[in-house]
Amino acid sequence: QVQLVESGGGLVQAGGSLRLSCAASGRAFSRYAMGWFRQAQGKEREFVAAISWSGNNTYYADSVKGRFTISRDNAKNTVYLQMNSLKPEDTAVYYCAEAGRPYTIAALRGTAEEYAYWGQGTQVTVSS
């Protein structure tokens, strides 16, 4: 059974930084693309960033490009999201997700349907 557990959320002032972590268990982590999504109150879930199984390829939503960095450590079965220059509009619950199929490039495009497993979410609040 796949489990994803996020951590690292919190309250930060605008311009500050946070690093989210997502620990995965239950299957061969290094075979699957990973993604981060977020959902602000009253809004639909949106794609934030994705990383290939090897870590060699990454993809970002335009709204976070240049400010957020996704990375992974396959030895630790963990994916990270480093968030810099945070803005109030980044306030949301952040979810990590694991692709349903191994070695799938399609997951890098941020399509939620490509992700079969989701964490419980961690709240990020950016004050102005």
Protein backbone atom coordinates (compact mmCIF):
# COMPACT_ATOMS: atom_id res chain seq x y z
CA GLN A 1 0.00 0.00 0.00
CA VAL A 2 1.43 3.32 -1.08
CA GLN A 3 1.61 6.04 1.54
CA LEU A 4 2.69 9.63 1.05
CA VAL A 5 3.29 11.86 4.04
CA GLU A 6 3.94 15.57 3.58
CA SER A 7 5.63 17.83 6.09
CA GLY A 8 7.17 21.29 6.25
CA GLY A 9 4.16 23.54 5.84
CA GLY A 10 3.52 26.53 8.04
CA LEU A 11 3.08 30.28 8.29
CA VAL A 12 5.61 32.55 6.63
CA GLN A 13 5.78 36.20 5.66
CA ALA A 14 5.73 37.28 2.05
CA GLY A 15 9.19 36.98 0.56
CA GLY A 16 10.11 34.13 2.85
CA SER A 17 10.91 30.49 2.13
CA LEU A 18 9.67 27.05 3.08
CA ARG A 19 10.72 23.55 2.12
CA LEU A 20 8.10 20.84 1.85
CA SER A 21 8.99 17.17 2.09
CA CYS A 22 7.02 14.11 1.06
CA ALA A 23 8.08 10.68 2.27
CA ALA A 24 6.83 7.79 0.18
CA SER A 25 6.51 4.12 1.01
CA GLY A 26 4.89 1.02 -0.38
CA ARG A 27 6.49 0.50 -3.78
CA ALA A 28 9.62 1.20 -5.82
CA PHE A 29 9.80 4.97 -5.49
CA SER A 30 12.55 5.38 -8.07
CA ARG A 31 10.29 4.14 -10.88
CA TYR A 32 7.63 6.84 -10.58
CA ALA A 33 7.31 10.49 -11.42
CA MET A 34 6.25 12.67 -8.50
CA GLY A 35 4.26 15.86 -8.44
CA TRP A 36 3.17 18.67 -6.18
CA PHE A 37 -0.28 20.20 -6.43
CA ARG A 38 -2.05 22.81 -4.34
CA GLN A 39 -5.58 23.87 -3.56
CA ALA A 40 -6.49 27.26 -2.18
CA GLN A 41 -9.70 27.72 -0.27
CA GLY A 42 -12.62 28.00 -2.65
CA LYS A 43 -10.52 27.17 -5.69
CA GLU A 44 -9.81 24.10 -7.75
CA ARG A 45 -6.70 22.03 -7.26
CA GLU A 46 -3.84 23.14 -9.49
CA PHE A 47 -0.55 21.70 -10.62
CA VAL A 48 2.62 23.15 -9.13
CA ALA A 49 5.61 21.04 -10.16
CA ALA A 50 6.63 17.56 -11.28
CA ILE A 51 9.82 15.56 -11.43
CA SER A 52 10.73 12.45 -13.39
CA TRP A 53 11.62 9.15 -11.75
CA SER A 54 15.34 9.80 -12.18
CA GLY A 55 15.17 13.45 -11.17
CA ASN A 56 16.65 14.55 -14.47
CA ASN A 57 13.51 16.27 -15.75
CA THR A 58 11.34 18.82 -14.01
CA TYR A 59 8.32 20.86 -15.01
CA TYR A 60 6.69 23.86 -13.31
CA ALA A 61 3.53 25.85 -13.47
CA ASP A 62 4.17 29.34 -14.82
CA SER A 63 3.02 30.86 -11.54
CA VAL A 64 5.91 29.30 -9.60
CA LYS A 65 8.64 29.08 -12.22
CA GLY A 66 11.85 30.67 -10.97
CA ARG A 67 10.68 30.63 -7.35
CA PHE A 68 10.02 26.95 -6.58
CA THR A 69 12.33 23.99 -7.07
CA ILE A 70 11.29 20.35 -7.01
CA SER A 71 13.85 17.67 -6.24
CA ARG A 72 14.00 14.09 -5.06
CA ASP A 73 16.25 11.73 -3.17
CA ASN A 74 15.56 8.19 -4.34
CA ALA A 75 17.76 6.75 -1.60
CA LYS A 76 15.44 8.33 0.97
CA ASN A 77 12.18 7.83 -0.98
CA THR A 78 11.49 11.52 -0.57
CA VAL A 79 10.51 14.38 -2.84
CA TYR A 80 10.97 18.02 -1.91
CA LEU A 81 9.54 21.37 -2.89
CA GLN A 82 11.74 24.34 -2.08
CA MET A 83 9.62 27.49 -2.15
CA ASN A 84 11.33 30.88 -2.23
CA SER A 85 10.02 34.41 -2.63
CA LEU A 86 6.65 33.31 -1.37
CA LYS A 87 3.60 35.41 -2.11
CA PRO A 88 0.21 35.59 -0.38
CA GLU A 89 -1.32 33.97 -3.46
CA ASP A 90 0.79 30.86 -2.75
CA THR A 91 -1.38 30.21 0.31
CA ALA A 92 -2.96 26.77 -0.10
CA VAL A 93 -2.93 23.17 1.01
CA TYR A 94 -0.06 21.48 -0.79
CA TYR A 95 -0.30 17.84 -1.83
CA CYS A 96 2.34 15.50 -3.13
CA ALA A 97 1.31 12.81 -5.55
CA GLU A 98 2.85 9.73 -7.12
CA ALA A 99 2.25 8.69 -10.70
CA GLY A 100 0.14 5.63 -11.26
CA ARG A 101 2.33 4.14 -13.96
CA PRO A 102 6.09 3.69 -13.88
CA TYR A 103 8.35 5.68 -16.17
CA THR A 104 5.55 7.83 -17.57
CA ILE A 105 6.47 11.12 -19.18
CA ALA A 106 2.82 12.16 -19.26
CA ALA A 107 2.87 12.75 -15.51
CA LEU A 108 5.36 15.55 -16.00
CA ARG A 109 2.71 17.61 -17.80
CA GLY A 110 0.86 17.94 -14.53
CA THR A 111 -2.29 16.07 -15.44
CA ALA A 112 -3.86 15.03 -12.16
CA GLU A 113 -5.31 11.88 -13.72
CA GLU A 114 -1.78 10.53 -14.17
CA TYR A 115 -1.32 10.44 -10.39
CA ALA A 116 -2.76 7.51 -8.49
CA TYR A 117 -1.65 8.25 -4.95
CA TRP A 118 -1.95 11.42 -2.90
CA GLY A 119 -0.77 12.61 0.47
CA GLN A 120 -2.97 14.17 3.11
CA GLY A 121 -1.74 17.69 2.39
CA THR A 122 0.15 20.33 4.33
CA GLN A 123 -1.02 23.91 4.85
CA VAL A 124 1.12 26.77 3.61
CA THR A 125 0.05 30.26 4.64
CA VAL A 126 1.85 33.36 3.39
CA SER A 127 1.05 36.60 5.16
CA SER A 128 1.38 39.98 3.50
